[in-house]
Amino acid sequence: MLTIIDRLIDLVGDWNAQLFRELKGRLTLRNLLWIGIGSLSFQFLLVNVLSGSKCIEYEKNNLFNSCVEYVWEIKWLLIFQSLYWMLSLVLFCGGVYLLVRDLTQEQRRGTMNFIRFSPQSSHKILLGKLLGVPILVYLAILLTVPLHLISAIAAGIPIGWVVSLYAIVLVGAIFLFSLAMLTILFSSAEHQESALALASFCLGSWYLSVIFTRFSWSSLKYYGWESWKWFALPIGNHLGLMTLWTLMTVGTVAYWIWQSLNRRFNNPHGTLISKKQSYWIVGSFQVWLLGLFWPLLPQIEDQNSLLLTLLTISIVTLFFLLFIGNMIFPHRETVADWLQYRQQYPEPSQSQNIFPKKTLFFRFGLSPDLVFGEKSPAIVAIAINLGITTLIWLPFWLLVNSSISNPMQAIAAWVISGNLILIYAIIIQLGLLMKSQKRSVFTLIELTSTIFLPIIILLAVENKSPVLWMFSVFGVAWAAVPESSAIAIGFVILGQWLIIAGLSFGLTKKLNHLGASDSQKLLTSI
């Protein structure tokens, strides 16, 4: 048997050397025996616990009824359900624990950089880790699959539905494994494998419970969700669509986490995603979110429901764009490298100054770098993501019942909200250009103060002017615009544009100073 396994491992080594390394050290005879004995013992114990004798015929006498015929009954549905939950959680927790422990040991031994410098691509290295490190967990689960399929057939559950359940667990495992591996590349604290395994248990339990909330095992249908739709698709009323939607949603998130993991593995000091990737992420998320809100269009019958819907959309967009911004905003050292590159390889039309026109957004020679560059400031990228979001949501705003709200008011409120998001983004980028090693902490303090301090001040002075509230407090525009005059709205937008222009001018000066100072250091060292 070991000879066959060795041959298979050698074949795997030709395809993925990292996977060969992981399998060679774990698929020993001792480990295989322990896994086989443990899995079979667990199955035997589970079947015995969830089965028993049942009386089918009684004999009557004067004192009590005695059973004269028994039949052995196995609770196949309960076995199927128990195995599904147990094996899923074992996969989640065991896989996360082993992957985190392995990567932590690689970092502490100093072999992580050695792996990075291997001729293999990062995708193959990480895939080898993902498939090889938890291989014993995978084998233990595979040995239990025959009993699970037998219990499904005996309980009358279609094999197609069982396969779809496996797919749901598989995509959830990829999500958790990728997220855990990405977390390890940021830190290597003590006992974090146990902490992340516990977190995966909680997330995995919640994931499975959400899937089976309001699910009837007898009819294999969801109840209470019949009216749930995504765009025009009746997801809540169709088991196949519900499964496909779940796979699409979780799979897309897992895919982008995997892309971030690859980027972080290749370049520990780079951004988690590229600007181009951020456009795809924002676009796909906004389409997904639009699908959830689209069925609400006929239900918006009054001004209050409309304002609540638009406020919810804008707040979700704010936090999502700030989250994406945190993944694409470069730090001081990265921007300094970009500036040095710009000085060494200037554009043909570029003069001695890095930004001769003293502008950040519309310098023609720099626009490709600002839109797609890996190391350039990300303000333009945030503006593009805002534009993508606007285009996706524009049909929703225009199709809202015109008797409830003027579409132009919705667009004006969105412009005010978008301006605030741009202001927050420029503040973040300015903060990340600080010299301090704790720049991330100071940036978080600045951003939090910018978002919440105006609310505290306006409440303290009991100001009721809608202009000041719209100007500085995110989300207020959706309630204040319908009650404000066109002149007031115009002044708010103009004032925000002046702040954006001032902040971008300050950012431009900061970049010029950073580029000049680093250039002087370079010349001095020579």
Protein backbone atom coordinates (compact mmCIF):
# COMPACT_ATOMS: atom_id res chain seq x y z
CA MET A 1 0.00 0.00 0.00
CA LEU A 2 2.81 2.39 0.88
CA THR A 3 4.43 1.72 -2.50
CA ILE A 4 1.26 2.87 -4.29
CA ILE A 5 1.04 5.93 -2.08
CA ASP A 6 4.71 6.74 -2.72
CA ARG A 7 4.14 6.54 -6.47
CA LEU A 8 1.13 8.82 -6.22
CA ILE A 9 3.14 11.28 -4.16
CA ASP A 10 5.90 11.26 -6.77
CA LEU A 11 3.33 12.05 -9.47
CA VAL A 12 2.02 14.89 -7.35
CA GLY A 13 5.59 16.17 -6.93
CA ASP A 14 5.92 16.57 -10.68
CA TRP A 15 2.88 18.85 -10.61
CA ASN A 16 3.42 20.74 -7.33
CA ALA A 17 6.69 20.48 -5.41
CA GLN A 18 5.26 22.19 -2.30
CA LEU A 19 2.40 19.70 -2.14
CA PHE A 20 4.94 16.87 -2.50
CA ARG A 21 6.87 18.27 0.46
CA GLU A 22 3.76 18.43 2.64
CA LEU A 23 2.44 14.98 1.72
CA LYS A 24 5.82 13.27 2.11
CA GLY A 25 6.11 14.30 5.73
CA ARG A 26 2.52 13.52 6.75
CA LEU A 27 1.42 10.37 4.91
CA THR A 28 3.34 7.94 7.09
CA LEU A 29 2.14 4.44 8.00
CA ARG A 30 1.61 5.43 11.62
CA ASN A 31 -0.53 8.46 10.71
CA LEU A 32 -2.60 6.47 8.22
CA LEU A 33 -3.28 3.72 10.78
CA TRP A 34 -4.34 6.23 13.41
CA ILE A 35 -6.64 8.03 10.97
CA GLY A 36 -8.23 4.78 9.74
CA ILE A 37 -8.80 3.35 13.21
CA GLY A 38 -10.10 6.65 14.57
CA SER A 39 -12.51 7.24 11.68
CA LEU A 40 -13.94 3.71 11.73
CA SER A 41 -14.31 3.77 15.51
CA PHE A 42 -16.14 7.07 15.38
CA GLN A 43 -18.55 5.78 12.72
CA PHE A 44 -19.24 2.59 14.67
CA LEU A 45 -19.91 4.57 17.84
CA LEU A 46 -22.19 7.06 16.08
CA VAL A 47 -24.31 4.34 14.45
CA ASN A 48 -24.68 2.54 17.77
CA VAL A 49 -25.64 5.71 19.63
CA LEU A 50 -28.25 6.71 17.02
CA SER A 51 -29.87 3.30 16.68
CA GLY A 52 -31.70 0.89 18.94
CA SER A 53 -34.40 -1.72 19.26
CA LYS A 54 -38.03 -0.80 18.69
CA CYS A 55 -40.97 -2.90 19.76
CA ILE A 56 -43.47 -3.68 17.00
CA GLU A 57 -45.73 -6.20 18.83
CA TYR A 58 -46.91 -6.33 22.45
CA GLU A 59 -48.49 -9.14 24.49
CA LYS A 60 -51.24 -8.07 26.87
CA ASN A 61 -51.46 -9.49 30.37
CA ASN A 62 -53.09 -8.49 33.64
CA LEU A 63 -50.38 -6.18 34.98
CA PHE A 64 -48.52 -4.68 32.03
CA ASN A 65 -47.83 -5.11 28.33
CA SER A 66 -44.70 -7.04 27.39
CA CYS A 67 -42.96 -6.84 24.04
CA VAL A 68 -42.78 -10.06 22.08
CA GLU A 69 -41.16 -8.81 18.86
CA TYR A 70 -38.40 -6.26 18.36
CA VAL A 71 -36.85 -4.63 15.30
CA TRP A 72 -33.51 -2.85 15.12
CA GLU A 73 -34.06 0.77 13.99
CA ILE A 74 -31.32 3.07 12.69
CA LYS A 75 -32.10 6.80 12.64
CA TRP A 76 -30.59 7.49 9.24
CA LEU A 77 -31.72 11.11 8.94
CA LEU A 78 -30.23 11.96 12.34
CA ILE A 79 -26.99 10.21 11.35
CA PHE A 80 -26.88 12.22 8.12
CA GLN A 81 -27.47 15.51 9.94
CA SER A 82 -24.97 14.74 12.71
CA LEU A 83 -22.26 13.70 10.27
CA TYR A 84 -22.79 16.79 8.15
CA TRP A 85 -22.42 19.17 11.08
CA MET A 86 -19.58 17.30 12.76
CA LEU A 87 -17.51 16.72 9.64
CA SER A 88 -18.00 20.31 8.48
CA LEU A 89 -16.82 21.74 11.80
CA VAL A 90 -13.91 19.29 11.95
CA LEU A 91 -12.89 20.43 8.48
CA PHE A 92 -13.17 24.11 9.39
CA CYS A 93 -11.42 23.96 12.77
CA GLY A 94 -8.90 21.23 11.99
CA GLY A 95 -7.86 22.73 8.68
CA VAL A 96 -7.49 26.24 10.09
CA TYR A 97 -5.54 25.00 13.13
CA LEU A 98 -3.06 22.96 11.07
CA LEU A 99 -2.55 25.64 8.41
CA VAL A 100 -2.01 28.39 10.98
CA ARG A 101 0.38 26.24 13.02
CA ASP A 102 2.36 25.30 9.92
CA LEU A 103 2.72 28.86 8.64
CA THR A 104 3.59 30.13 12.13
CA GLN A 105 6.35 27.57 12.41
CA GLU A 106 7.62 28.51 8.95
CA GLN A 107 7.84 32.15 10.01
CA ARG A 108 9.56 31.37 13.34
CA ARG A 109 12.11 29.07 11.70
CA GLY A 110 12.80 31.66 9.03
CA THR A 111 11.94 29.31 6.16
CA MET A 112 9.09 31.43 4.83
CA ASN A 113 11.44 33.63 2.81
CA PHE A 114 13.21 30.52 1.51
CA ILE A 115 9.85 29.27 0.19
CA ARG A 116 9.16 32.66 -1.39
CA PHE A 117 12.41 32.48 -3.35
CA SER A 118 11.63 29.05 -4.79
CA PRO A 119 11.00 28.91 -8.56
CA GLN A 120 7.39 27.91 -8.01
CA SER A 121 4.63 30.49 -8.38
CA SER A 122 2.92 31.75 -5.25
CA HIS A 123 -0.34 30.15 -6.39
CA LYS A 124 1.28 26.71 -6.45
CA ILE A 125 3.04 27.21 -3.13
CA LEU A 126 -0.12 28.31 -1.34
CA LEU A 127 -2.20 25.65 -3.08
CA GLY A 128 0.33 23.05 -1.94
CA LYS A 129 -0.06 24.30 1.63
CA LEU A 130 -3.84 24.36 1.34
CA LEU A 131 -4.06 20.80 0.01
CA GLY A 132 -1.14 19.23 1.85
CA VAL A 133 -1.05 20.56 5.40
CA PRO A 134 -4.57 19.36 6.43
CA ILE A 135 -4.29 16.12 4.40
CA LEU A 136 -4.93 13.92 7.46
CA VAL A 137 -8.13 15.85 8.17
CA TYR A 138 -9.19 15.38 4.55
CA LEU A 139 -8.53 11.62 4.73
CA ALA A 140 -10.47 11.23 7.98
CA ILE A 141 -13.47 12.97 6.39
CA LEU A 142 -13.21 10.96 3.15
CA LEU A 143 -13.35 7.70 5.13
CA THR A 144 -16.65 8.88 6.60
CA VAL A 145 -18.23 9.87 3.27
CA PRO A 146 -19.50 6.33 2.43
CA LEU A 147 -21.53 6.17 5.65
CA HIS A 148 -22.81 9.68 4.97
CA LEU A 149 -23.98 8.73 1.48
CA ILE A 150 -25.60 5.51 2.76
CA SER A 151 -27.46 7.48 5.44
CA ALA A 152 -28.61 9.99 2.80
CA ILE A 153 -29.98 7.24 0.55
CA ALA A 154 -31.67 5.50 3.49
CA ALA A 155 -33.22 8.80 4.65
CA GLY A 156 -34.53 9.55 1.15
CA ILE A 157 -32.28 12.55 0.49
CA PRO A 158 -31.38 12.98 -3.21
CA ILE A 159 -27.71 12.55 -4.03
CA GLY A 160 -27.77 15.80 -6.01
CA TRP A 161 -28.76 17.70 -2.88
CA VAL A 162 -25.98 15.95 -0.93
CA VAL A 163 -23.43 17.02 -3.55
CA SER A 164 -24.66 20.61 -3.32
CA LEU A 165 -24.23 20.48 0.47
CA TYR A 166 -20.66 19.28 -0.03
CA ALA A 167 -20.05 22.18 -2.42
CA ILE A 168 -21.37 24.67 0.17
CA VAL A 169 -19.03 23.28 2.83
CA LEU A 170 -16.09 23.19 0.40
CA VAL A 171 -16.42 26.84 -0.61
CA GLY A 172 -16.85 27.80 3.06
CA ALA A 173 -13.66 25.91 3.93
CA ILE A 174 -11.72 27.67 1.16
CA PHE A 175 -12.95 31.00 2.51
CA LEU A 176 -11.89 30.21 6.10
CA PHE A 177 -8.55 28.68 5.10
CA SER A 178 -7.62 31.61 2.85
CA LEU A 179 -8.64 34.14 5.49
CA ALA A 180 -6.64 32.33 8.20
CA MET A 181 -3.53 32.12 6.01
CA LEU A 182 -3.85 35.81 5.14
CA THR A 183 -4.11 36.67 8.84
CA ILE A 184 -0.89 34.80 9.59
CA LEU A 185 1.03 36.85 7.04
CA PHE A 186 0.26 39.94 9.15
CA SER A 187 1.27 38.59 12.56
CA SER A 188 2.68 35.57 14.36
CA ALA A 189 1.40 35.95 17.92
CA GLU A 190 1.46 33.19 20.50
CA HIS A 191 -1.40 30.67 20.51
CA GLN A 192 -3.04 32.26 17.50
CA GLU A 193 -3.67 28.83 15.95
CA SER A 194 -6.02 28.02 18.84
CA ALA A 195 -7.64 31.46 18.66
CA LEU A 196 -8.21 31.22 14.91
CA ALA A 197 -9.49 27.64 15.20
CA LEU A 198 -12.03 28.82 17.78
CA ALA A 199 -12.99 31.74 15.52
CA SER A 200 -13.44 29.34 12.60
CA PHE A 201 -15.66 27.15 14.78
CA CYS A 202 -17.87 30.14 15.57
CA LEU A 203 -17.95 31.37 11.96
CA GLY A 204 -18.50 27.85 10.64
CA SER A 205 -21.36 27.20 13.06
CA TRP A 206 -22.98 30.50 12.08
CA TYR A 207 -22.47 29.71 8.38
CA LEU A 208 -24.15 26.31 8.68
CA SER A 209 -26.96 27.61 10.89
CA VAL A 210 -27.76 30.40 8.38
CA ILE A 211 -27.95 27.83 5.58
CA PHE A 212 -30.34 25.60 7.49
CA THR A 213 -32.44 28.27 9.19
CA ARG A 214 -36.05 27.66 8.22
CA PHE A 215 -35.10 24.50 6.32
CA SER A 216 -37.40 21.47 6.41
CA TRP A 217 -35.51 18.17 6.16
CA SER A 218 -38.71 16.25 5.53
CA SER A 219 -39.67 18.27 2.41
CA LEU A 220 -36.17 19.58 1.58
CA LYS A 221 -37.53 23.11 1.21
CA TYR A 222 -37.15 26.44 2.95
CA TYR A 223 -40.18 27.93 4.67
CA GLY A 224 -40.78 31.59 5.51
CA TRP A 225 -38.43 32.81 2.78
CA GLU A 226 -40.78 32.41 -0.17
CA SER A 227 -40.80 36.17 -0.84
CA TRP A 228 -37.01 36.59 -0.83
CA LYS A 229 -35.68 37.58 -4.24
CA TRP A 230 -32.39 38.69 -5.73
CA PHE A 231 -33.35 40.97 -8.59
CA ALA A 232 -36.17 38.92 -10.17
CA LEU A 233 -34.86 35.49 -9.14
CA PRO A 234 -37.09 33.75 -6.55
CA ILE A 235 -34.18 32.55 -4.42
CA GLY A 236 -36.21 31.87 -1.29
CA ASN A 237 -38.69 29.70 -3.17
CA HIS A 238 -36.20 27.59 -5.14
CA LEU A 239 -33.68 25.29 -3.47
CA GLY A 240 -31.35 25.15 -6.46
CA LEU A 241 -31.23 28.94 -6.85
CA MET A 242 -30.62 29.37 -3.14
CA THR A 243 -27.67 26.96 -3.30
CA LEU A 244 -26.26 28.59 -6.45
CA TRP A 245 -26.58 32.08 -4.93
CA THR A 246 -24.79 30.93 -1.77
CA LEU A 247 -21.97 29.34 -3.76
CA MET A 248 -21.64 32.45 -5.92
CA THR A 249 -21.56 34.83 -2.94
CA VAL A 250 -19.17 32.91 -0.69
CA GLY A 251 -17.07 31.75 -3.64
CA THR A 252 -16.55 35.32 -4.89
CA VAL A 253 -15.43 36.50 -1.44
CA ALA A 254 -13.09 33.49 -1.13
CA TYR A 255 -11.65 34.23 -4.58
CA TRP A 256 -10.70 37.81 -3.69
CA ILE A 257 -9.26 36.75 -0.34
CA TRP A 258 -7.13 34.22 -2.22
CA GLN A 259 -5.93 36.96 -4.59
CA SER A 260 -5.01 39.16 -1.62
CA LEU A 261 -3.21 36.21 -0.01
CA ASN A 262 -1.10 35.72 -3.15
CA ARG A 263 -0.20 39.41 -3.33
CA ARG A 264 0.72 39.53 0.36
CA PHE A 265 2.81 36.37 0.06
CA ASN A 266 4.75 37.77 -2.91
CA ASN A 267 5.19 41.25 -1.44
CA PRO A 268 4.75 41.55 2.36
CA HIS A 269 5.01 45.36 2.15
CA GLY A 270 2.68 45.89 -0.80
CA THR A 271 -1.04 46.62 -0.90
CA LEU A 272 -3.47 43.73 -0.47
CA ILE A 273 -5.16 44.34 -3.81
CA SER A 274 -4.32 46.36 -6.89
CA LYS A 275 -6.35 49.36 -8.01
CA LYS A 276 -7.66 47.39 -10.98
CA GLN A 277 -8.80 44.60 -8.68
CA SER A 278 -10.54 47.16 -6.45
CA TYR A 279 -12.70 48.26 -9.40
CA TRP A 280 -13.85 44.66 -9.96
CA ILE A 281 -14.47 44.11 -6.25
CA VAL A 282 -16.50 47.29 -5.84
CA GLY A 283 -18.47 46.63 -9.02
CA SER A 284 -19.33 43.03 -8.09
CA PHE A 285 -20.25 43.98 -4.51
CA GLN A 286 -22.50 46.83 -5.61
CA VAL A 287 -24.28 44.60 -8.15
CA TRP A 288 -24.75 41.99 -5.40
CA LEU A 289 -26.11 44.66 -3.03
CA LEU A 290 -28.35 46.13 -5.73
CA GLY A 291 -29.85 42.68 -6.24
CA LEU A 292 -30.86 42.58 -2.57
CA PHE A 293 -32.50 46.01 -2.65
CA TRP A 294 -34.06 45.81 -6.12
CA PRO A 295 -37.14 43.82 -5.00
CA LEU A 296 -37.84 46.59 -2.45
CA LEU A 297 -38.70 49.10 -5.21
CA PRO A 298 -42.45 48.29 -5.23
CA GLN A 299 -42.52 48.40 -1.42
CA ILE A 300 -41.22 51.98 -1.15
CA GLU A 301 -44.51 53.81 -0.73
CA ASP A 302 -43.65 56.81 1.43
CA GLN A 303 -40.86 59.29 2.05
CA ASN A 304 -39.69 57.68 5.30
CA SER A 305 -39.18 54.23 3.75
CA LEU A 306 -37.32 55.81 0.84
CA LEU A 307 -34.99 57.78 3.13
CA LEU A 308 -34.30 54.73 5.28
CA THR A 309 -33.46 52.64 2.20
CA LEU A 310 -31.13 55.24 0.68
CA LEU A 311 -29.48 55.93 4.05
CA THR A 312 -28.79 52.22 4.52
CA ILE A 313 -27.29 51.94 1.03
CA SER A 314 -25.05 54.98 1.53
CA ILE A 315 -23.77 53.83 4.94
CA VAL A 316 -22.95 50.35 3.61
CA THR A 317 -21.18 51.98 0.67
CA LEU A 318 -19.20 54.27 2.99
CA PHE A 319 -17.82 51.46 5.13
CA PHE A 320 -17.17 49.22 2.14
CA LEU A 321 -15.24 51.91 0.25
CA LEU A 322 -13.24 52.75 3.38
CA PHE A 323 -12.49 49.04 3.73
CA ILE A 324 -11.38 48.83 0.10
CA GLY A 325 -9.38 52.02 0.51
CA ASN A 326 -7.52 50.51 3.44
CA MET A 327 -6.46 47.69 1.09
CA ILE A 328 -5.17 49.93 -1.73
CA PHE A 329 -3.79 52.99 0.09
CA PRO A 330 0.03 52.83 -0.03
CA HIS A 331 2.16 53.86 2.95
CA ARG A 332 4.94 56.43 3.03
CA GLU A 333 7.79 54.10 1.98
CA THR A 334 5.84 52.74 -0.99
CA VAL A 335 4.91 56.21 -2.22
CA ALA A 336 8.55 57.30 -1.81
CA ASP A 337 9.64 54.41 -4.06
CA TRP A 338 7.08 55.49 -6.64
CA LEU A 339 8.30 59.10 -6.53
CA GLN A 340 11.92 58.01 -6.98
CA TYR A 341 10.91 55.93 -9.97
CA ARG A 342 9.08 58.94 -11.45
CA GLN A 343 12.22 61.02 -11.05
CA GLN A 344 14.50 58.43 -12.64
CA TYR A 345 12.12 57.71 -15.53
CA PRO A 346 10.16 60.93 -16.11
CA GLU A 347 7.49 61.45 -18.72
CA PRO A 348 8.72 63.16 -21.91
CA SER A 349 6.48 66.13 -21.22
CA GLN A 350 7.43 66.30 -17.53
CA SER A 351 9.63 69.07 -16.21
CA GLN A 352 12.00 69.13 -13.23
CA ASN A 353 9.15 69.35 -10.72
CA ILE A 354 7.22 66.18 -9.98
CA PHE A 355 3.88 67.98 -10.13
CA PRO A 356 4.58 71.14 -12.17
CA LYS A 357 0.93 72.14 -12.41
CA LYS A 358 0.38 71.70 -8.65
CA THR A 359 -2.52 69.39 -9.18
CA LEU A 360 -3.11 65.76 -8.29
CA PHE A 361 -6.13 64.62 -10.23
CA PHE A 362 -5.80 65.90 -13.76
CA ARG A 363 -2.12 65.68 -14.57
CA PHE A 364 -2.27 63.87 -17.93
CA GLY A 365 1.18 62.32 -17.69
CA LEU A 366 0.45 60.77 -14.28
CA SER A 367 -3.10 59.59 -14.89
CA PRO A 368 -2.20 55.97 -15.84
CA ASP A 369 -0.18 55.61 -12.64
CA LEU A 370 -2.92 57.11 -10.48
CA VAL A 371 -5.54 54.84 -12.03
CA PHE A 372 -3.64 51.54 -12.21
CA GLY A 373 -0.25 52.07 -10.54
CA GLU A 374 0.68 49.73 -7.68
CA LYS A 375 2.52 52.33 -5.58
CA SER A 376 0.85 55.63 -6.42
CA PRO A 377 -1.67 57.39 -4.13
CA ALA A 378 -5.15 55.89 -4.34
CA ILE A 379 -7.39 58.97 -4.30
CA VAL A 380 -8.21 58.73 -8.00
CA ALA A 381 -8.97 55.03 -7.55
CA ILE A 382 -11.47 55.84 -4.78
CA ALA A 383 -13.08 58.46 -7.05
CA ILE A 384 -13.37 55.86 -9.83
CA ASN A 385 -14.92 53.38 -7.40
CA LEU A 386 -17.43 56.06 -6.43
CA GLY A 387 -18.22 56.53 -10.11
CA ILE A 388 -18.71 52.78 -10.56
CA THR A 389 -21.04 52.72 -7.57
CA THR A 390 -23.00 55.68 -8.93
CA LEU A 391 -23.51 54.08 -12.34
CA ILE A 392 -24.71 50.83 -10.79
CA TRP A 393 -27.20 52.51 -8.45
CA LEU A 394 -28.44 55.17 -10.88
CA PRO A 395 -31.29 52.99 -12.28
CA PHE A 396 -32.51 52.35 -8.73
CA TRP A 397 -32.66 56.07 -7.93
CA LEU A 398 -34.37 56.94 -11.20
CA LEU A 399 -36.98 54.18 -10.90
CA VAL A 400 -38.08 55.17 -7.41
CA ASN A 401 -41.65 56.43 -7.51
CA SER A 402 -41.39 60.07 -8.63
CA SER A 403 -44.41 60.99 -6.50
CA ILE A 404 -42.33 60.18 -3.41
CA SER A 405 -39.04 61.84 -4.28
CA ASN A 406 -37.52 63.84 -7.07
CA PRO A 407 -34.70 61.76 -8.65
CA MET A 408 -32.56 64.91 -8.74
CA GLN A 409 -32.81 65.15 -4.96
CA ALA A 410 -31.56 61.58 -4.62
CA ILE A 411 -28.65 62.36 -6.96
CA ALA A 412 -27.82 65.55 -5.02
CA ALA A 413 -27.83 63.62 -1.73
CA TRP A 414 -25.54 61.01 -3.27
CA VAL A 415 -23.13 63.71 -4.52
CA ILE A 416 -22.95 65.16 -1.00
CA SER A 417 -22.32 61.70 0.46
CA GLY A 418 -19.74 60.92 -2.23
CA ASN A 419 -17.90 64.17 -1.52
CA LEU A 420 -17.61 63.19 2.14
CA ILE A 421 -16.22 59.78 1.17
CA LEU A 422 -13.57 61.53 -0.97
CA ILE A 423 -12.70 63.83 1.93
CA TYR A 424 -12.27 60.82 4.21
CA ALA A 425 -10.12 59.10 1.58
CA ILE A 426 -7.74 62.06 1.20
CA ILE A 427 -7.43 62.32 4.99
CA ILE A 428 -6.48 58.62 5.12
CA GLN A 429 -3.86 59.02 2.40
CA LEU A 430 -2.38 62.09 4.11
CA GLY A 431 -2.21 60.21 7.40
CA LEU A 432 -0.42 57.24 5.83
CA LEU A 433 2.29 59.59 4.55
CA MET A 434 3.35 60.56 8.09
CA LYS A 435 6.90 59.82 9.24
CA SER A 436 5.70 58.20 12.46
CA GLN A 437 5.83 54.41 12.72
CA LYS A 438 2.37 54.59 14.33
CA ARG A 439 0.89 56.32 11.30
CA SER A 440 -1.93 53.78 11.01
CA VAL A 441 -3.08 54.53 14.57
CA PHE A 442 -2.94 58.30 14.02
CA THR A 443 -4.79 57.92 10.71
CA LEU A 444 -7.54 55.94 12.42
CA ILE A 445 -7.86 58.66 15.07
CA GLU A 446 -8.05 61.37 12.40
CA LEU A 447 -10.66 59.50 10.39
CA THR A 448 -12.79 58.71 13.44
CA SER A 449 -12.63 62.35 14.53
CA THR A 450 -13.60 63.56 11.05
CA ILE A 451 -16.64 61.28 10.97
CA PHE A 452 -17.95 61.66 14.52
CA LEU A 453 -16.63 64.99 15.87
CA PRO A 454 -19.01 67.15 13.74
CA ILE A 455 -21.96 65.19 15.14
CA ILE A 456 -20.83 65.83 18.72
CA ILE A 457 -20.21 69.53 18.10
CA LEU A 458 -23.50 70.17 16.29
CA LEU A 459 -25.43 68.33 18.98
CA ALA A 460 -23.60 70.23 21.72
CA VAL A 461 -24.46 73.66 20.25
CA GLU A 462 -27.97 72.42 19.36
CA ASN A 463 -27.54 73.52 15.78
CA LYS A 464 -30.56 72.76 13.60
CA SER A 465 -29.31 74.20 10.34
CA PRO A 466 -29.55 71.49 7.65
CA VAL A 467 -26.69 73.11 5.72
CA LEU A 468 -24.06 72.42 8.41
CA TRP A 469 -25.38 68.93 9.02
CA MET A 470 -25.35 68.05 5.30
CA PHE A 471 -21.92 69.64 4.92
CA SER A 472 -20.14 67.59 7.59
CA VAL A 473 -22.23 64.62 8.81
CA PHE A 474 -22.44 61.58 6.58
CA GLY A 475 -25.95 60.32 5.76
CA VAL A 476 -27.85 63.44 6.85
CA ALA A 477 -28.21 64.59 3.23
CA TRP A 478 -30.82 61.89 2.52
CA ALA A 479 -33.15 63.44 5.10
CA ALA A 480 -32.15 67.10 4.68
CA VAL A 481 -32.07 67.49 0.89
CA PRO A 482 -35.88 67.22 0.41
CA GLU A 483 -36.34 69.96 3.02
CA SER A 484 -33.59 72.28 1.71
CA SER A 485 -33.56 74.81 -1.09
CA ALA A 486 -31.55 74.34 -4.26
CA ILE A 487 -29.29 77.26 -3.27
CA ALA A 488 -28.47 75.66 0.10
CA ILE A 489 -27.69 72.35 -1.55
CA GLY A 490 -25.48 74.10 -4.08
CA PHE A 491 -23.54 75.89 -1.31
CA VAL A 492 -22.99 72.57 0.52
CA ILE A 493 -21.64 70.86 -2.60
CA LEU A 494 -19.47 73.86 -3.51
CA GLY A 495 -18.06 74.02 0.02
CA GLN A 496 -17.22 70.31 -0.05
CA TRP A 497 -15.51 70.69 -3.42
CA LEU A 498 -13.40 73.54 -1.99
CA ILE A 499 -12.33 71.29 0.89
CA ILE A 500 -11.48 68.49 -1.55
CA ALA A 501 -9.44 70.94 -3.63
CA GLY A 502 -7.62 72.19 -0.54
CA LEU A 503 -6.86 68.71 0.74
CA SER A 504 -5.68 67.55 -2.70
CA PHE A 505 -3.45 70.63 -2.93
CA GLY A 506 -1.99 69.76 0.48
CA LEU A 507 -1.49 66.16 -0.64
CA THR A 508 0.26 67.36 -3.78
CA LYS A 509 2.64 69.52 -1.72
CA LYS A 510 3.25 66.60 0.61
CA LEU A 511 4.14 64.35 -2.32
CA ASN A 512 6.43 66.99 -3.82
CA HIS A 513 8.20 67.39 -0.48
CA LEU A 514 8.50 63.63 0.00
CA GLY A 515 9.86 63.14 -3.51
CA ALA A 516 12.33 65.99 -3.16
CA SER A 517 13.56 64.89 0.28
CA ASP A 518 14.09 61.30 -0.81
CA SER A 519 15.89 62.50 -3.94
CA GLN A 520 18.25 64.61 -1.81
CA LYS A 521 18.95 61.62 0.46
CA LEU A 522 19.76 59.52 -2.59
CA LEU A 523 22.19 62.12 -3.96
CA THR A 524 23.79 62.61 -0.55
CA SER A 525 24.43 58.88 -0.17
CA ILE A 526 26.13 58.81 -3.59
